Amino acid sequence: MEQIEFDDDNGRDIEESEAQLDSEYEEDPVGFWEAKQRDLLTSVLDYNLRSLTDLVKNKQIDLSPNYQRRNRWKDDRKSQLIESFLMNVPIPNIFLNEDAYGHYSVIDGKQRLTAISDFLFGRFALTGLTVFREANGLRFDELPVTLQTILETRANLRAVIILRQSDPDIKYQVFQRLNTGGIRLNPQEIRNSAWPGKLNDMILEESLSGEFHKLLGIRDRNRSAIYREMRDAEFVLRYLTFRNNWDTFAGGMGRKLDNFMAEHHDMPEDDVEEARSSFRTAVRKARAAFGDNAFQRWSPEKQSWRRQVLASLYDAEIFAVVEFPEETLREHSRDIVSGVKDLFSNAQFRRAVDAATNTPSYFRDRITMMRDMISEKVG
């Protein structure tokens, strides 16, 4: 009887680590910075907490939950931040992107801003405080007036603002390198900030669909690295970027994804809906062909499936099924799944899926071999 291997690498439901998926972004050419650094324009402002809360209230700072990864601080961690302000403990800077004059989106610091605004808006009561214990259980308007004044006017947070006039290339590179005490942004989170619009909205909507999450094996969003790190959204984007040209891919996957968003973020609504339909069709075909084992590694040695999604196998399977009718894939699903097992006994295929996801020859090889196997199985 086939087995599912539940060793999911410290709770991750995707095989590749963030470092592996984003490895190409580690390059930092000296020439690039010498040419571009003069085009980075910033402003530094110190805000008291009342001013920051007013900016959030007036929607001058965008705290949209779609913007960054989807995990949120719980009340005890928010309370620790508030207590740090009361204790006058230095808090790391936040970084804002100027979308338009006087309107900003958060590059780094979303959770801190959310905690501040939630507390001053009275949305939670303090809990777990160890120094100001007498404040446990109190909301902002229940605090002594002295503590309210300290939080509103004395406590402050420094904001580094990347101005809209900055060169787009240097701005994107700066976004990539911010790591200031929160969780470092990954490329998909930055794309959400850099290129908002109908296309990005559609990608985020489709990444959350029940059918796609089921295909990715996401059972509990709160425990899913794919969901928390927005890899589901990146998978949607990967499909849209390469659906018509995967066989000519010549390298720089991350940059290709960036360029696709830069060029198409404001695409007409009809084109957005065509792209949505294409992706949904691909998801249905992948489900028809591979069933519950879509995008999962088969281990010939253990005769078992790994529960984790393998991003390189996602490429192979999502593009390989496109040219076949859905019903044909469904009729031959048993044979196709058997063919996937056979491919994992093929040294060339295993090299192609175990290599970095952005290696051009392996990217093309794994899709071609998967497509040819399916073609053979469906006759």
Protein backbone atom coordinates (compact mmCIF):
# COMPACT_ATOMS: atom_id res chain seq x y z
CA MET A 1 0.00 0.00 0.00
CA GLU A 2 1.33 3.43 -0.91
CA GLN A 3 2.36 5.66 1.94
CA ILE A 4 2.51 9.40 2.48
CA GLU A 5 5.70 10.52 4.17
CA PHE A 6 4.84 13.08 6.85
CA ASP A 7 8.35 14.30 7.62
CA ASP A 8 7.73 17.85 6.46
CA ASP A 9 11.04 19.52 7.32
CA ASN A 10 10.22 21.33 10.55
CA GLY A 11 6.64 22.11 9.61
CA ARG A 12 7.20 23.38 6.08
CA ASP A 13 4.79 22.04 3.47
CA ILE A 14 7.08 23.04 0.58
CA GLU A 15 10.38 21.23 0.06
CA GLU A 16 12.51 24.14 -1.07
CA SER A 17 13.55 26.60 1.62
CA GLU A 18 13.07 30.34 1.13
CA ALA A 19 16.82 30.63 0.55
CA GLN A 20 16.69 28.03 -2.24
CA LEU A 21 13.66 29.59 -3.91
CA ASP A 22 15.08 33.09 -3.75
CA SER A 23 18.78 32.30 -4.21
CA GLU A 24 19.27 34.37 -7.35
CA TYR A 25 18.38 37.53 -5.43
CA GLU A 26 21.56 37.25 -3.39
CA GLU A 27 23.67 38.65 -6.22
CA ASP A 28 24.80 42.20 -5.54
CA PRO A 29 26.91 43.50 -8.45
CA VAL A 30 29.13 46.42 -7.50
CA GLY A 31 28.57 48.05 -10.87
CA PHE A 32 24.81 48.05 -10.39
CA TRP A 33 25.08 49.97 -7.14
CA GLU A 34 27.66 52.41 -8.45
CA ALA A 35 25.35 53.27 -11.33
CA LYS A 36 22.13 53.41 -9.36
CA GLN A 37 22.81 54.52 -5.78
CA ARG A 38 22.49 58.21 -6.63
CA ASP A 39 18.91 57.52 -7.79
CA LEU A 40 17.67 56.33 -4.39
CA LEU A 41 15.71 59.14 -2.78
CA THR A 42 14.64 58.82 0.85
CA SER A 43 13.13 60.87 3.64
CA VAL A 44 13.37 60.14 7.37
CA LEU A 45 10.59 61.22 9.74
CA ASP A 46 9.92 60.60 13.43
CA TYR A 47 6.22 60.04 14.14
CA ASN A 48 4.53 59.86 17.51
CA LEU A 49 2.10 56.97 17.81
CA ARG A 50 -1.00 59.15 17.55
CA SER A 51 0.23 60.58 14.25
CA LEU A 52 0.91 57.09 12.88
CA THR A 53 -2.52 55.90 13.98
CA ASP A 54 -4.16 58.88 12.28
CA LEU A 55 -2.31 58.07 9.04
CA VAL A 56 -3.61 54.50 9.21
CA LYS A 57 -7.14 55.69 10.06
CA ASN A 58 -7.14 58.09 7.10
CA LYS A 59 -5.82 55.34 4.81
CA GLN A 60 -2.66 57.30 4.12
CA ILE A 61 -0.70 54.22 5.19
CA ASP A 62 -1.92 51.03 3.53
CA LEU A 63 -2.07 48.09 5.94
CA SER A 64 -3.96 45.80 3.54
CA PRO A 65 -3.75 42.18 4.71
CA ASN A 66 -3.01 41.16 1.10
CA TYR A 67 0.18 43.15 1.09
CA GLN A 68 2.61 40.89 2.94
CA ARG A 69 2.74 37.37 4.25
CA ARG A 70 -0.39 36.35 6.00
CA ASN A 71 0.70 35.58 9.55
CA ARG A 72 -0.36 38.11 12.15
CA TRP A 73 0.88 38.90 15.65
CA LYS A 74 -1.27 37.66 18.50
CA ASP A 75 -2.37 39.97 21.30
CA ASP A 76 0.46 38.98 23.64
CA ARG A 77 3.11 39.98 21.11
CA LYS A 78 1.28 43.22 20.31
CA SER A 79 1.17 43.90 24.04
CA GLN A 80 4.93 43.40 24.35
CA LEU A 81 5.46 46.10 21.73
CA ILE A 82 3.17 48.51 23.58
CA GLU A 83 5.02 47.80 26.82
CA SER A 84 8.32 48.49 25.05
CA PHE A 85 7.03 51.94 24.11
CA LEU A 86 5.99 52.58 27.72
CA MET A 87 9.50 51.55 28.83
CA ASN A 88 11.09 53.82 26.20
CA VAL A 89 12.85 50.84 24.62
CA PRO A 90 14.22 51.69 21.12
CA ILE A 91 12.11 50.13 18.37
CA PRO A 92 13.56 49.38 14.91
CA ASN A 93 12.69 51.75 12.07
CA ILE A 94 9.79 51.06 9.78
CA PHE A 95 10.18 51.44 6.01
CA LEU A 96 7.47 52.94 3.82
CA ASN A 97 7.12 53.16 0.07
CA GLU A 98 5.63 56.42 -1.22
CA ASP A 99 2.90 55.32 -3.63
CA ALA A 100 1.64 58.87 -4.19
CA TYR A 101 2.27 62.15 -2.41
CA GLY A 102 1.20 61.67 1.19
CA HIS A 103 0.18 58.02 0.69
CA TYR A 104 2.36 55.09 1.66
CA SER A 105 2.49 51.32 1.72
CA VAL A 106 4.55 49.35 4.23
CA ILE A 107 7.76 47.70 3.11
CA ASP A 108 8.86 46.63 6.58
CA GLY A 109 6.98 47.15 9.83
CA LYS A 110 3.44 46.09 9.01
CA GLN A 111 2.99 44.10 12.21
CA ARG A 112 4.33 46.92 14.39
CA LEU A 113 2.02 49.45 12.75
CA THR A 114 -0.91 47.08 13.03
CA ALA A 115 -0.22 46.50 16.73
CA ILE A 116 0.03 50.25 17.41
CA SER A 117 -3.13 51.19 15.53
CA ASP A 118 -5.11 48.22 16.89
CA PHE A 119 -4.30 49.21 20.46
CA LEU A 120 -4.98 52.91 20.08
CA PHE A 121 -8.24 52.04 18.30
CA GLY A 122 -9.21 49.91 21.33
CA ARG A 123 -9.25 46.58 19.46
CA PHE A 124 -7.49 44.51 22.11
CA ALA A 125 -6.62 44.56 25.79
CA LEU A 126 -3.04 44.29 27.02
CA THR A 127 -1.93 40.85 28.14
CA GLY A 128 1.24 39.22 29.38
CA LEU A 129 2.93 42.45 30.52
CA THR A 130 5.75 41.84 33.00
CA VAL A 131 6.81 45.40 33.92
CA PHE A 132 3.51 47.30 33.71
CA ARG A 133 1.52 44.40 35.19
CA GLU A 134 -1.22 46.70 36.43
CA ALA A 135 -2.10 47.45 32.79
CA ASN A 136 -2.91 43.82 31.94
CA GLY A 137 -6.53 43.48 30.86
CA LEU A 138 -6.87 47.17 29.98
CA ARG A 139 -7.65 48.71 26.62
CA PHE A 140 -6.16 52.04 25.59
CA ASP A 141 -8.99 54.24 26.90
CA GLU A 142 -8.91 52.35 30.21
CA LEU A 143 -5.26 53.15 30.88
CA PRO A 144 -4.31 55.92 33.36
CA VAL A 145 -4.19 59.26 31.55
CA THR A 146 -0.44 59.49 32.09
CA LEU A 147 0.18 56.24 30.21
CA GLN A 148 -2.18 57.29 27.43
CA THR A 149 -0.23 60.53 27.01
CA ILE A 150 3.10 58.69 26.97
CA LEU A 151 1.87 56.40 24.19
CA GLU A 152 0.21 59.11 22.13
CA THR A 153 2.78 61.86 22.27
CA ARG A 154 6.12 60.81 23.78
CA ALA A 155 6.56 57.38 22.22
CA ASN A 156 7.73 57.63 18.63
CA LEU A 157 8.74 55.48 15.70
CA ARG A 158 11.16 56.45 12.96
CA ALA A 159 9.99 55.95 9.37
CA VAL A 160 12.37 55.73 6.44
CA ILE A 161 10.38 56.62 3.32
CA ILE A 162 11.49 55.49 -0.14
CA LEU A 163 10.26 58.37 -2.29
CA ARG A 164 8.34 57.74 -5.48
CA GLN A 165 10.96 59.54 -7.57
CA SER A 166 13.52 56.82 -6.82
CA ASP A 167 14.73 54.74 -9.74
CA PRO A 168 12.48 51.63 -9.97
CA ASP A 169 15.43 49.21 -10.26
CA ILE A 170 17.24 50.54 -7.20
CA LYS A 171 13.97 50.75 -5.26
CA TYR A 172 13.25 47.10 -5.94
CA GLN A 173 16.77 46.07 -4.90
CA VAL A 174 16.46 48.05 -1.67
CA PHE A 175 13.16 46.36 -0.91
CA GLN A 176 14.89 42.99 -1.34
CA ARG A 177 17.54 43.78 1.25
CA LEU A 178 15.49 45.21 4.08
CA ASN A 179 15.79 43.11 7.20
CA THR A 180 15.35 45.34 10.23
CA GLY A 181 14.13 43.21 13.09
CA GLY A 182 10.99 41.84 11.46
CA ILE A 183 10.81 38.99 8.97
CA ARG A 184 12.64 39.67 5.74
CA LEU A 185 10.33 40.27 2.81
CA ASN A 186 10.41 37.67 0.08
CA PRO A 187 10.12 38.57 -3.62
CA GLN A 188 6.39 37.90 -3.86
CA GLU A 189 5.62 40.24 -0.98
CA ILE A 190 7.68 42.94 -2.66
CA ARG A 191 5.90 42.43 -5.99
CA ASN A 192 2.61 43.02 -4.16
CA SER A 193 3.93 46.39 -3.07
CA ALA A 194 5.78 47.36 -6.23
CA TRP A 195 3.07 46.51 -8.79
CA PRO A 196 -0.44 46.75 -7.37
CA GLY A 197 -3.37 46.58 -9.76
CA LYS A 198 -5.99 44.28 -11.24
CA LEU A 199 -3.46 41.59 -12.19
CA ASN A 200 -1.99 41.44 -8.69
CA ASP A 201 -5.48 41.41 -7.16
CA MET A 202 -6.42 38.46 -9.39
CA ILE A 203 -3.24 36.56 -8.48
CA LEU A 204 -3.97 36.98 -4.78
CA GLU A 205 -7.60 35.93 -5.25
CA GLU A 206 -6.71 32.78 -7.20
CA SER A 207 -3.94 31.88 -4.76
CA LEU A 208 -6.60 31.64 -2.03
CA SER A 209 -9.08 29.51 -3.95
CA GLY A 210 -10.19 26.34 -2.22
CA GLU A 211 -9.49 24.23 -5.30
CA PHE A 212 -5.91 25.47 -5.58
CA HIS A 213 -5.22 25.08 -1.87
CA LYS A 214 -6.58 21.55 -2.02
CA LEU A 215 -4.27 20.80 -4.94
CA LEU A 216 -1.33 22.16 -2.91
CA GLY A 217 -2.35 20.01 0.05
CA ILE A 218 -2.96 23.00 2.34
CA ARG A 219 -5.12 21.72 5.17
CA ASP A 220 -4.50 24.36 7.82
CA ARG A 221 -3.50 27.83 6.60
CA ASN A 222 -2.08 28.76 10.00
CA ARG A 223 0.45 25.92 9.74
CA SER A 224 1.21 26.25 6.03
CA ALA A 225 4.51 27.84 4.97
CA ILE A 226 3.14 28.00 1.43
CA TYR A 227 0.28 30.21 2.63
CA ARG A 228 2.19 32.27 5.20
CA GLU A 229 5.03 33.08 2.79
CA MET A 230 2.64 33.70 -0.14
CA ARG A 231 4.22 30.93 -2.19
CA ASP A 232 0.73 30.06 -3.41
CA ALA A 233 0.56 33.53 -5.00
CA GLU A 234 4.02 33.07 -6.48
CA PHE A 235 2.91 29.74 -8.00
CA VAL A 236 0.03 31.52 -9.74
CA LEU A 237 2.45 34.12 -11.08
CA ARG A 238 4.90 31.43 -12.26
CA TYR A 239 2.15 29.88 -14.33
CA LEU A 240 1.06 33.18 -15.86
CA THR A 241 4.64 34.22 -16.63
CA PHE A 242 5.72 31.06 -18.43
CA ARG A 243 2.49 29.57 -19.78
CA ASN A 244 3.26 30.63 -23.37
CA ASN A 245 7.05 30.55 -23.40
CA TRP A 246 8.43 27.99 -20.94
CA ASP A 247 10.31 26.22 -23.75
CA THR A 248 12.37 29.35 -24.47
CA PHE A 249 13.25 30.16 -20.86
CA ALA A 250 16.91 31.21 -20.74
CA GLY A 251 17.46 32.03 -17.06
CA GLY A 252 16.69 34.59 -14.39
CA MET A 253 13.37 33.20 -13.19
CA GLY A 254 12.90 35.77 -10.45
CA ARG A 255 13.64 38.60 -12.83
CA LYS A 256 11.20 37.11 -15.37
CA LEU A 257 8.48 37.14 -12.72
CA ASP A 258 9.35 40.72 -11.83
CA ASN A 259 9.32 41.81 -15.45
CA PHE A 260 5.97 40.15 -16.08
CA MET A 261 4.43 42.09 -13.18
CA ALA A 262 6.11 45.33 -14.23
CA GLU A 263 4.85 45.01 -17.81
CA HIS A 264 1.35 43.68 -17.11
CA HIS A 265 0.26 45.00 -13.70
CA ASP A 266 -2.18 47.39 -15.37
CA MET A 267 -3.42 45.00 -18.05
CA PRO A 268 -7.02 45.46 -19.23
CA GLU A 269 -9.72 43.69 -17.24
CA ASP A 270 -10.61 41.37 -20.15
CA ASP A 271 -7.01 40.16 -20.31
CA VAL A 272 -6.94 39.67 -16.55
CA GLU A 273 -10.04 37.48 -16.77
CA GLU A 274 -8.54 35.48 -19.66
CA ALA A 275 -5.44 34.86 -17.53
CA ARG A 276 -7.64 33.85 -14.59
CA SER A 277 -9.55 31.38 -16.76
CA SER A 278 -6.32 29.89 -18.11
CA PHE A 279 -4.95 29.33 -14.63
CA ARG A 280 -8.17 27.75 -13.37
CA THR A 281 -8.17 25.40 -16.34
CA ALA A 282 -4.57 24.38 -15.61
CA VAL A 283 -5.46 23.69 -11.96
CA ARG A 284 -8.39 21.47 -12.98
CA LYS A 285 -6.19 19.57 -15.44
CA ALA A 286 -3.48 19.04 -12.83
CA ARG A 287 -6.10 17.72 -10.42
CA ALA A 288 -7.49 15.42 -13.13
CA ALA A 289 -4.04 14.04 -13.98
CA PHE A 290 -2.28 13.75 -10.62
CA GLY A 291 -5.05 13.80 -8.01
CA ASP A 292 -3.95 14.08 -4.41
CA ASN A 293 -0.30 13.55 -5.34
CA ALA A 294 0.05 16.64 -7.50
CA PHE A 295 3.43 18.38 -7.11
CA GLN A 296 4.66 15.75 -4.62
CA ARG A 297 7.89 13.77 -4.79
CA TRP A 298 7.76 9.98 -5.13
CA SER A 299 10.53 8.15 -3.28
CA PRO A 300 11.34 4.85 -5.03
CA GLU A 301 13.56 3.87 -2.11
CA LYS A 302 10.77 4.24 0.45
CA GLN A 303 7.89 3.52 -1.93
CA SER A 304 6.10 6.57 -0.58
CA TRP A 305 4.97 10.08 -1.49
CA ARG A 306 6.25 13.10 0.36
CA ARG A 307 3.50 15.39 1.60
CA GLN A 308 5.49 18.53 0.80
CA VAL A 309 5.05 20.42 -2.45
CA LEU A 310 8.14 20.48 -4.66
CA ALA A 311 8.25 23.77 -6.56
CA SER A 312 10.27 22.34 -9.43
CA LEU A 313 7.69 19.56 -9.82
CA TYR A 314 4.93 22.17 -9.83
CA ASP A 315 6.60 23.60 -12.95
CA ALA A 316 6.85 20.19 -14.57
CA GLU A 317 3.25 19.20 -13.96
CA ILE A 318 1.33 22.48 -14.36
CA PHE A 319 2.86 23.19 -17.78
CA ALA A 320 2.89 19.58 -18.98
CA VAL A 321 -0.90 19.13 -18.70
CA VAL A 322 -1.87 22.26 -20.61
CA GLU A 323 -2.09 20.73 -24.07
CA PHE A 324 -4.18 17.71 -23.04
CA PRO A 325 -7.98 17.62 -22.62
CA GLU A 326 -9.10 17.49 -18.99
CA GLU A 327 -11.29 14.44 -19.47
CA THR A 328 -8.49 12.53 -21.19
CA LEU A 329 -6.19 13.26 -18.25
CA ARG A 330 -8.83 12.10 -15.82
CA GLU A 331 -9.41 8.84 -17.74
CA HIS A 332 -5.69 8.03 -17.70
CA SER A 333 -4.88 9.37 -14.24
CA ARG A 334 -3.82 6.02 -12.81
CA ASP A 335 -1.35 5.48 -15.63
CA ILE A 336 -0.08 9.06 -15.40
CA VAL A 337 0.60 8.76 -11.66
CA SER A 338 2.41 5.49 -12.35
CA GLY A 339 4.45 7.35 -14.96
CA VAL A 340 5.42 10.00 -12.39
CA LYS A 341 6.77 7.22 -10.16
CA ASP A 342 8.82 5.87 -13.06
CA LEU A 343 10.25 9.33 -13.74
CA PHE A 344 11.62 9.48 -10.20
CA SER A 345 13.65 6.38 -11.03
CA ASN A 346 15.15 8.27 -13.98
CA ALA A 347 18.45 9.93 -13.00
CA GLN A 348 18.05 12.70 -15.60
CA PHE A 349 14.58 13.64 -14.33
CA ARG A 350 15.69 13.58 -10.71
CA ARG A 351 18.56 15.92 -11.53
CA ALA A 352 16.10 18.22 -13.27
CA VAL A 353 13.76 18.47 -10.27
CA ASP A 354 16.47 18.52 -7.61
CA ALA A 355 18.41 21.36 -9.25
CA ALA A 356 17.74 25.02 -8.53
CA THR A 357 14.31 25.97 -9.81
CA ASN A 358 15.79 28.73 -11.99
CA THR A 359 18.30 26.61 -13.97
CA PRO A 360 17.12 26.99 -17.59
CA SER A 361 18.08 23.58 -19.00
CA TYR A 362 16.63 21.69 -16.03
CA PHE A 363 13.49 23.85 -16.08
CA ARG A 364 12.84 22.89 -19.71
CA ASP A 365 13.92 19.27 -19.24
CA ARG A 366 11.57 18.48 -16.39
CA ILE A 367 8.57 19.94 -18.20
CA THR A 368 9.44 18.19 -21.48
CA MET A 369 9.96 14.81 -19.81
CA MET A 370 6.69 15.11 -17.90
CA ARG A 371 4.80 16.15 -21.04
CA ASP A 372 6.28 13.29 -23.07
CA MET A 373 5.38 10.78 -20.36
CA ILE A 374 1.77 11.99 -20.30
CA SER A 375 1.60 11.87 -24.08
CA GLU A 376 2.74 8.25 -24.01
CA LYS A 377 0.25 7.28 -21.31
CA VAL A 378 -2.77 8.86 -23.02
CA GLY A 379 -1.78 7.42 -26.40
